N, C-alpha and C. Protein backbone atom coordinates (compact mmCIF):
# COMPACT_ATOMS: atom_id res chain seq x y z
N UNK A 1 0.83 -1.21 0.00
CA UNK A 1 0.00 0.01 -0.01
C UNK A 1 0.89 1.25 0.00
N UNK A 2 1.91 1.29 0.89
CA UNK A 2 2.74 2.47 1.00
C UNK A 2 4.21 1.99 1.14
N UNK A 3 5.07 2.56 0.28
CA UNK A 3 6.47 2.21 0.35
C UNK A 3 7.14 2.70 1.64
N UNK A 4 8.30 2.16 1.95
CA UNK A 4 9.03 2.64 3.12
C UNK A 4 9.44 4.08 2.96
N UNK A 5 9.79 4.48 1.73
CA UNK A 5 10.18 5.89 1.46
C UNK A 5 9.03 6.81 1.69
N UNK A 6 7.83 6.47 1.27
CA UNK A 6 6.63 7.30 1.48
C UNK A 6 6.31 7.35 2.95
N UNK A 7 6.36 6.22 3.64
CA UNK A 7 6.07 6.19 5.07
C UNK A 7 7.08 7.09 5.82
N UNK A 8 8.38 7.00 5.49
CA UNK A 8 9.39 7.88 6.11
C UNK A 8 9.11 9.35 5.86
N UNK A 9 8.69 9.68 4.64
CA UNK A 9 8.34 11.06 4.26
C UNK A 9 7.20 11.54 5.15
N UNK A 10 6.16 10.72 5.32
CA UNK A 10 4.97 11.11 6.10
C UNK A 10 5.25 11.15 7.59
N UNK A 11 6.26 10.44 8.04
CA UNK A 11 6.63 10.47 9.49
C UNK A 11 7.35 11.71 9.88
N UNK A 12 7.90 12.46 8.92
CA UNK A 12 8.53 13.73 9.24
C UNK A 12 7.46 14.77 9.53
N UNK A 13 7.79 15.76 10.42
CA UNK A 13 6.78 16.74 10.81
C UNK A 13 6.52 17.79 9.71
N UNK A 14 5.74 17.41 8.74
CA UNK A 14 5.34 18.29 7.64
C UNK A 14 3.90 18.72 7.90
N UNK A 15 3.43 19.64 7.09
CA UNK A 15 2.02 20.07 7.18
C UNK A 15 1.26 19.35 6.08
N UNK A 16 -0.03 19.06 6.36
CA UNK A 16 -0.89 18.42 5.41
C UNK A 16 -2.03 19.40 5.06
N UNK A 17 -2.50 19.30 3.83
CA UNK A 17 -3.72 20.02 3.43
C UNK A 17 -4.80 19.00 3.40
N UNK A 18 -5.81 19.21 4.24
CA UNK A 18 -6.94 18.34 4.34
C UNK A 18 -8.08 18.95 3.54
N UNK A 19 -8.67 18.17 2.63
CA UNK A 19 -9.82 18.60 1.84
C UNK A 19 -11.03 17.83 2.30
N UNK A 20 -12.12 18.55 2.65
CA UNK A 20 -13.42 17.98 2.98
C UNK A 20 -14.42 18.47 1.95
N UNK A 21 -15.62 17.91 2.01
CA UNK A 21 -16.66 18.27 1.04
C UNK A 21 -17.71 19.11 1.73
N UNK A 22 -17.89 20.36 1.23
CA UNK A 22 -18.85 21.27 1.80
C UNK A 22 -20.30 20.83 1.48
N UNK A 23 -21.24 21.46 2.18
CA UNK A 23 -22.66 21.14 1.96
C UNK A 23 -23.07 21.45 0.55
N UNK A 24 -22.43 22.42 -0.10
CA UNK A 24 -22.72 22.78 -1.46
C UNK A 24 -21.99 21.93 -2.45
N UNK A 25 -21.20 20.92 -2.01
CA UNK A 25 -20.44 20.05 -2.88
C UNK A 25 -19.03 20.58 -3.21
N UNK A 26 -18.75 21.79 -2.80
CA UNK A 26 -17.45 22.35 -3.09
C UNK A 26 -16.41 21.86 -2.09
N UNK A 27 -15.14 21.72 -2.52
CA UNK A 27 -14.11 21.34 -1.56
C UNK A 27 -13.79 22.47 -0.58
N UNK A 28 -13.41 22.08 0.65
CA UNK A 28 -12.95 22.98 1.66
C UNK A 28 -11.61 22.46 2.13
N UNK A 29 -10.58 23.34 2.11
CA UNK A 29 -9.22 22.91 2.46
C UNK A 29 -8.73 23.59 3.71
N UNK A 30 -7.94 22.86 4.48
CA UNK A 30 -7.32 23.43 5.70
C UNK A 30 -5.90 22.86 5.82
N UNK A 31 -4.95 23.66 6.23
CA UNK A 31 -3.61 23.24 6.55
C UNK A 31 -3.67 22.69 7.96
N UNK A 32 -3.13 21.48 8.14
CA UNK A 32 -3.31 20.76 9.40
C UNK A 32 -1.99 20.07 9.84
N UNK A 33 -1.89 19.91 11.16
CA UNK A 33 -0.90 19.02 11.74
C UNK A 33 -1.48 17.61 11.55
N UNK A 34 -0.59 16.63 11.48
CA UNK A 34 -1.04 15.25 11.40
C UNK A 34 0.01 14.32 11.98
N UNK A 35 -0.39 13.09 12.21
CA UNK A 35 0.59 12.06 12.60
C UNK A 35 0.15 10.76 11.94
N UNK A 36 1.12 10.10 11.28
CA UNK A 36 0.87 8.78 10.74
C UNK A 36 0.91 7.79 11.87
N UNK A 37 -0.16 7.08 12.03
CA UNK A 37 -0.24 6.03 13.11
C UNK A 37 -0.63 4.70 12.44
N UNK A 38 0.41 3.93 12.15
CA UNK A 38 0.16 2.63 11.49
C UNK A 38 -0.36 2.88 10.09
N UNK A 39 -1.59 2.48 9.87
CA UNK A 39 -2.23 2.65 8.57
C UNK A 39 -3.38 3.64 8.62
N UNK A 40 -3.30 4.60 9.54
CA UNK A 40 -4.24 5.71 9.60
C UNK A 40 -3.48 7.02 9.78
N UNK A 41 -4.18 8.09 9.48
CA UNK A 41 -3.66 9.44 9.70
C UNK A 41 -4.50 10.00 10.86
N UNK A 42 -3.84 10.55 11.86
CA UNK A 42 -4.54 11.20 13.00
C UNK A 42 -4.38 12.70 12.81
N UNK A 43 -5.49 13.39 12.91
CA UNK A 43 -5.48 14.87 12.91
C UNK A 43 -6.41 15.29 14.06
N UNK A 44 -6.42 16.58 14.35
CA UNK A 44 -7.24 17.07 15.47
C UNK A 44 -7.66 18.49 15.14
N UNK A 45 -8.89 18.81 15.54
CA UNK A 45 -9.44 20.18 15.30
C UNK A 45 -10.30 20.56 16.45
N UNK A 46 -10.71 21.81 16.47
CA UNK A 46 -11.59 22.26 17.55
C UNK A 46 -13.05 22.19 17.03
N UNK A 47 -13.95 21.93 17.99
CA UNK A 47 -15.37 21.89 17.65
C UNK A 47 -15.79 23.23 17.06
N UNK A 48 -16.72 23.18 16.10
CA UNK A 48 -17.25 24.39 15.49
C UNK A 48 -16.60 24.78 14.18
N UNK A 49 -15.53 24.10 13.77
CA UNK A 49 -14.86 24.43 12.55
C UNK A 49 -15.69 23.85 11.36
N UNK A 50 -15.50 24.48 10.22
CA UNK A 50 -16.21 24.04 9.00
C UNK A 50 -15.87 22.57 8.69
N UNK A 51 -14.61 22.19 8.86
CA UNK A 51 -14.20 20.83 8.51
C UNK A 51 -14.94 19.80 9.33
N UNK A 52 -15.15 20.03 10.62
CA UNK A 52 -15.84 19.02 11.45
C UNK A 52 -17.30 18.91 11.05
N UNK A 53 -17.95 20.01 10.70
CA UNK A 53 -19.33 19.96 10.24
C UNK A 53 -19.38 19.19 8.89
N UNK A 54 -18.43 19.46 8.03
CA UNK A 54 -18.41 18.75 6.72
C UNK A 54 -18.23 17.28 6.94
N UNK A 55 -17.33 16.89 7.86
CA UNK A 55 -17.04 15.47 8.08
C UNK A 55 -18.18 14.75 8.78
N UNK A 56 -18.93 15.42 9.58
CA UNK A 56 -20.09 14.76 10.22
C UNK A 56 -21.18 14.45 9.16
N UNK A 57 -21.19 15.28 8.10
CA UNK A 57 -22.18 15.08 7.03
C UNK A 57 -21.62 14.06 5.98
N UNK A 58 -20.31 14.17 5.66
CA UNK A 58 -19.74 13.35 4.63
C UNK A 58 -18.29 13.07 5.05
N UNK A 59 -17.92 11.84 5.43
CA UNK A 59 -16.63 11.54 5.95
C UNK A 59 -15.49 11.45 4.93
N UNK A 60 -15.77 11.59 3.65
CA UNK A 60 -14.74 11.47 2.62
C UNK A 60 -13.75 12.61 2.67
N UNK A 61 -12.46 12.29 2.57
CA UNK A 61 -11.40 13.30 2.63
C UNK A 61 -10.33 13.00 1.61
N UNK A 62 -9.55 14.04 1.35
CA UNK A 62 -8.34 13.94 0.61
C UNK A 62 -7.26 14.72 1.36
N UNK A 63 -6.08 14.20 1.40
CA UNK A 63 -4.96 14.85 2.11
C UNK A 63 -3.82 14.94 1.10
N UNK A 64 -3.12 16.09 1.17
CA UNK A 64 -1.87 16.25 0.37
C UNK A 64 -0.78 16.71 1.26
N UNK A 65 0.37 16.03 1.25
CA UNK A 65 1.53 16.42 2.04
C UNK A 65 2.64 16.62 0.95
N UNK A 66 3.26 17.80 0.96
CA UNK A 66 4.21 18.07 -0.12
C UNK A 66 5.55 18.56 0.40
N UNK A 67 6.52 18.42 -0.47
CA UNK A 67 7.85 18.98 -0.29
C UNK A 67 8.28 19.31 -1.72
N UNK A 68 7.83 20.46 -2.21
CA UNK A 68 8.11 20.85 -3.58
C UNK A 68 7.43 19.92 -4.56
N UNK A 69 8.23 19.32 -5.48
CA UNK A 69 7.65 18.42 -6.46
C UNK A 69 7.46 16.99 -5.93
N UNK A 70 7.93 16.76 -4.71
CA UNK A 70 7.74 15.47 -4.04
C UNK A 70 6.55 15.59 -3.16
N UNK A 71 5.49 14.77 -3.40
CA UNK A 71 4.30 14.85 -2.60
C UNK A 71 3.55 13.54 -2.57
N UNK A 72 2.70 13.46 -1.54
CA UNK A 72 1.87 12.29 -1.35
C UNK A 72 0.43 12.73 -1.18
N UNK A 73 -0.46 12.12 -1.91
CA UNK A 73 -1.88 12.36 -1.71
C UNK A 73 -2.55 11.07 -1.18
N UNK A 74 -3.48 11.29 -0.26
CA UNK A 74 -4.17 10.16 0.35
C UNK A 74 -5.66 10.43 0.31
N UNK A 75 -6.43 9.41 -0.05
CA UNK A 75 -7.86 9.55 0.07
C UNK A 75 -8.33 8.51 1.07
N UNK A 76 -9.38 8.90 1.79
CA UNK A 76 -9.93 7.95 2.75
C UNK A 76 -11.21 8.52 3.40
N UNK A 77 -11.53 7.99 4.57
CA UNK A 77 -12.72 8.46 5.30
C UNK A 77 -12.31 8.75 6.72
N UNK A 78 -12.93 9.75 7.27
CA UNK A 78 -12.58 10.21 8.62
C UNK A 78 -13.65 9.67 9.64
N UNK A 79 -13.11 9.20 10.75
CA UNK A 79 -13.96 8.85 11.89
C UNK A 79 -13.65 9.93 12.93
N UNK A 80 -14.70 10.54 13.46
CA UNK A 80 -14.52 11.60 14.47
C UNK A 80 -14.63 11.03 15.85
N UNK A 81 -13.71 11.42 16.70
CA UNK A 81 -13.67 11.01 18.14
C UNK A 81 -13.85 12.24 18.96
N UNK A 82 -15.03 12.30 19.63
CA UNK A 82 -15.35 13.43 20.48
C UNK A 82 -14.89 13.27 21.93
N UNK A 83 -14.49 12.08 22.34
CA UNK A 83 -14.07 11.83 23.72
C UNK A 83 -12.92 12.77 24.05
N UNK A 84 -13.14 13.66 25.05
CA UNK A 84 -12.17 14.70 25.34
C UNK A 84 -10.82 14.20 25.89
N UNK A 85 -10.84 13.08 26.60
CA UNK A 85 -9.59 12.56 27.07
C UNK A 85 -8.68 12.14 25.90
N UNK A 86 -9.27 11.50 24.93
CA UNK A 86 -8.51 11.06 23.72
C UNK A 86 -8.16 12.27 22.89
N UNK A 87 -9.14 13.17 22.64
CA UNK A 87 -8.86 14.32 21.76
C UNK A 87 -7.81 15.25 22.35
N UNK A 88 -7.84 15.48 23.67
CA UNK A 88 -6.83 16.32 24.32
C UNK A 88 -5.44 15.68 24.27
N UNK A 89 -5.40 14.36 24.49
CA UNK A 89 -4.10 13.67 24.40
C UNK A 89 -3.53 13.72 23.01
N UNK A 90 -4.41 13.64 22.00
CA UNK A 90 -3.99 13.65 20.60
C UNK A 90 -3.50 15.03 20.22
N UNK A 91 -4.13 16.11 20.61
CA UNK A 91 -3.67 17.44 20.26
C UNK A 91 -2.37 17.76 20.99
N UNK A 92 -2.22 17.24 22.18
CA UNK A 92 -0.95 17.41 22.94
C UNK A 92 0.18 16.71 22.20
N UNK A 93 -0.07 15.47 21.69
CA UNK A 93 0.93 14.71 20.97
C UNK A 93 1.33 15.47 19.67
N UNK A 94 0.37 16.09 19.00
CA UNK A 94 0.67 16.85 17.83
C UNK A 94 1.44 18.11 18.14
N UNK A 95 1.09 18.77 19.20
CA UNK A 95 1.82 19.98 19.61
C UNK A 95 3.32 19.66 19.84
N UNK A 96 3.55 18.50 20.48
CA UNK A 96 4.93 18.07 20.79
C UNK A 96 5.60 17.58 19.53
N UNK A 97 4.88 17.09 18.55
CA UNK A 97 5.50 16.67 17.26
C UNK A 97 6.03 17.85 16.49
N UNK A 98 5.31 18.96 16.58
CA UNK A 98 5.63 20.12 15.72
C UNK A 98 6.43 21.22 16.43
N UNK A 99 6.55 21.18 17.78
CA UNK A 99 7.16 22.29 18.50
C UNK A 99 8.12 21.78 19.60
N UNK A 100 8.99 22.68 20.04
CA UNK A 100 9.87 22.35 21.16
C UNK A 100 8.99 22.21 22.41
N UNK A 101 9.44 21.54 23.44
CA UNK A 101 8.64 21.22 24.61
C UNK A 101 7.99 22.43 25.27
N UNK A 102 8.72 23.56 25.38
CA UNK A 102 8.14 24.73 26.04
C UNK A 102 7.01 25.33 25.24
N UNK A 103 7.21 25.49 23.94
CA UNK A 103 6.14 26.01 23.07
C UNK A 103 4.92 25.08 23.08
N UNK A 104 5.20 23.77 22.95
CA UNK A 104 4.15 22.80 22.95
C UNK A 104 3.29 22.85 24.18
N UNK A 105 3.92 23.01 25.37
CA UNK A 105 3.14 23.07 26.59
C UNK A 105 2.28 24.32 26.70
N UNK A 106 2.77 25.44 26.15
CA UNK A 106 1.98 26.65 26.11
C UNK A 106 0.73 26.44 25.24
N UNK A 107 0.94 25.78 24.10
CA UNK A 107 -0.19 25.48 23.22
C UNK A 107 -1.15 24.54 23.86
N UNK A 108 -0.65 23.49 24.52
CA UNK A 108 -1.49 22.49 25.17
C UNK A 108 -2.40 23.15 26.20
N UNK A 109 -1.86 24.11 26.95
CA UNK A 109 -2.64 24.85 27.93
C UNK A 109 -3.81 25.59 27.25
N UNK A 110 -3.55 26.10 26.11
CA UNK A 110 -4.58 26.83 25.31
C UNK A 110 -5.61 25.82 24.80
N UNK A 111 -5.11 24.71 24.29
CA UNK A 111 -6.04 23.70 23.72
C UNK A 111 -6.98 23.13 24.80
N UNK A 112 -6.52 23.05 26.05
CA UNK A 112 -7.36 22.50 27.12
C UNK A 112 -8.62 23.32 27.34
N UNK A 113 -8.62 24.57 26.90
CA UNK A 113 -9.80 25.45 27.04
C UNK A 113 -10.78 25.21 25.90
N UNK A 114 -10.43 24.37 24.94
CA UNK A 114 -11.29 24.12 23.78
C UNK A 114 -11.89 22.71 23.81
N UNK A 115 -13.00 22.54 23.15
CA UNK A 115 -13.51 21.21 22.92
C UNK A 115 -12.83 20.72 21.63
N UNK A 116 -12.08 19.63 21.71
CA UNK A 116 -11.29 19.11 20.61
C UNK A 116 -11.92 17.86 20.03
N UNK A 117 -11.62 17.65 18.76
CA UNK A 117 -12.11 16.45 18.04
C UNK A 117 -10.91 15.81 17.34
N UNK A 118 -10.71 14.51 17.54
CA UNK A 118 -9.71 13.79 16.82
C UNK A 118 -10.32 13.20 15.55
N UNK A 119 -9.53 13.26 14.47
CA UNK A 119 -9.94 12.64 13.21
C UNK A 119 -9.02 11.47 12.96
N UNK A 120 -9.64 10.27 12.87
CA UNK A 120 -8.86 9.09 12.41
C UNK A 120 -9.22 8.85 10.97
N UNK A 121 -8.22 9.02 10.09
CA UNK A 121 -8.50 8.93 8.68
C UNK A 121 -7.92 7.66 8.08
N UNK A 122 -8.77 6.88 7.49
CA UNK A 122 -8.34 5.64 6.82
C UNK A 122 -7.47 6.01 5.60
N UNK A 123 -6.52 5.17 5.31
CA UNK A 123 -5.68 5.35 4.11
C UNK A 123 -6.20 4.36 3.09
N UNK A 124 -7.13 4.82 2.27
CA UNK A 124 -7.77 3.92 1.27
C UNK A 124 -6.98 3.89 -0.04
N UNK A 125 -6.40 5.06 -0.36
CA UNK A 125 -5.61 5.10 -1.61
C UNK A 125 -4.45 6.11 -1.41
N UNK A 126 -3.29 5.74 -1.89
CA UNK A 126 -2.08 6.57 -1.80
C UNK A 126 -1.56 6.82 -3.21
N UNK A 127 -1.21 8.03 -3.49
CA UNK A 127 -0.54 8.38 -4.75
C UNK A 127 0.70 9.18 -4.39
N UNK A 128 1.90 8.66 -4.75
CA UNK A 128 3.14 9.32 -4.37
C UNK A 128 3.85 9.77 -5.66
N UNK A 129 4.43 10.94 -5.61
CA UNK A 129 5.10 11.53 -6.76
C UNK A 129 6.49 12.01 -6.36
N UNK A 130 7.51 11.67 -7.17
CA UNK A 130 8.87 12.11 -6.90
C UNK A 130 9.65 11.21 -5.97
N UNK A 131 9.18 10.00 -5.80
CA UNK A 131 9.89 9.03 -4.90
C UNK A 131 10.55 7.96 -5.78
């Protein structure tokens, strides 16, 4: 499904563009933190965002992670996890993935004031370019 080179690329702390489907059928894109967990992508957002409303209506997604002309696109379906213990732990893990410990802890304190949602995204199809 995914080569070792593509897996290594996705394991680096890059940003992903998540595309969801709006109520009007138009795509909605967001730049997101993510973490590859086995054969799923974990993302996290706050309640009330357009993407969470879109995903509750239609779980289909597309993700693009790029480094110039080298990029990976993934299509799949999102499962939303509203459990706050899980969602808060996941956003904390993402903060530590992308920032130094001090900055991450400041962000985690801010995130604790929000209702968070974890997205578990299946990896149904992978297209890799430049590998």
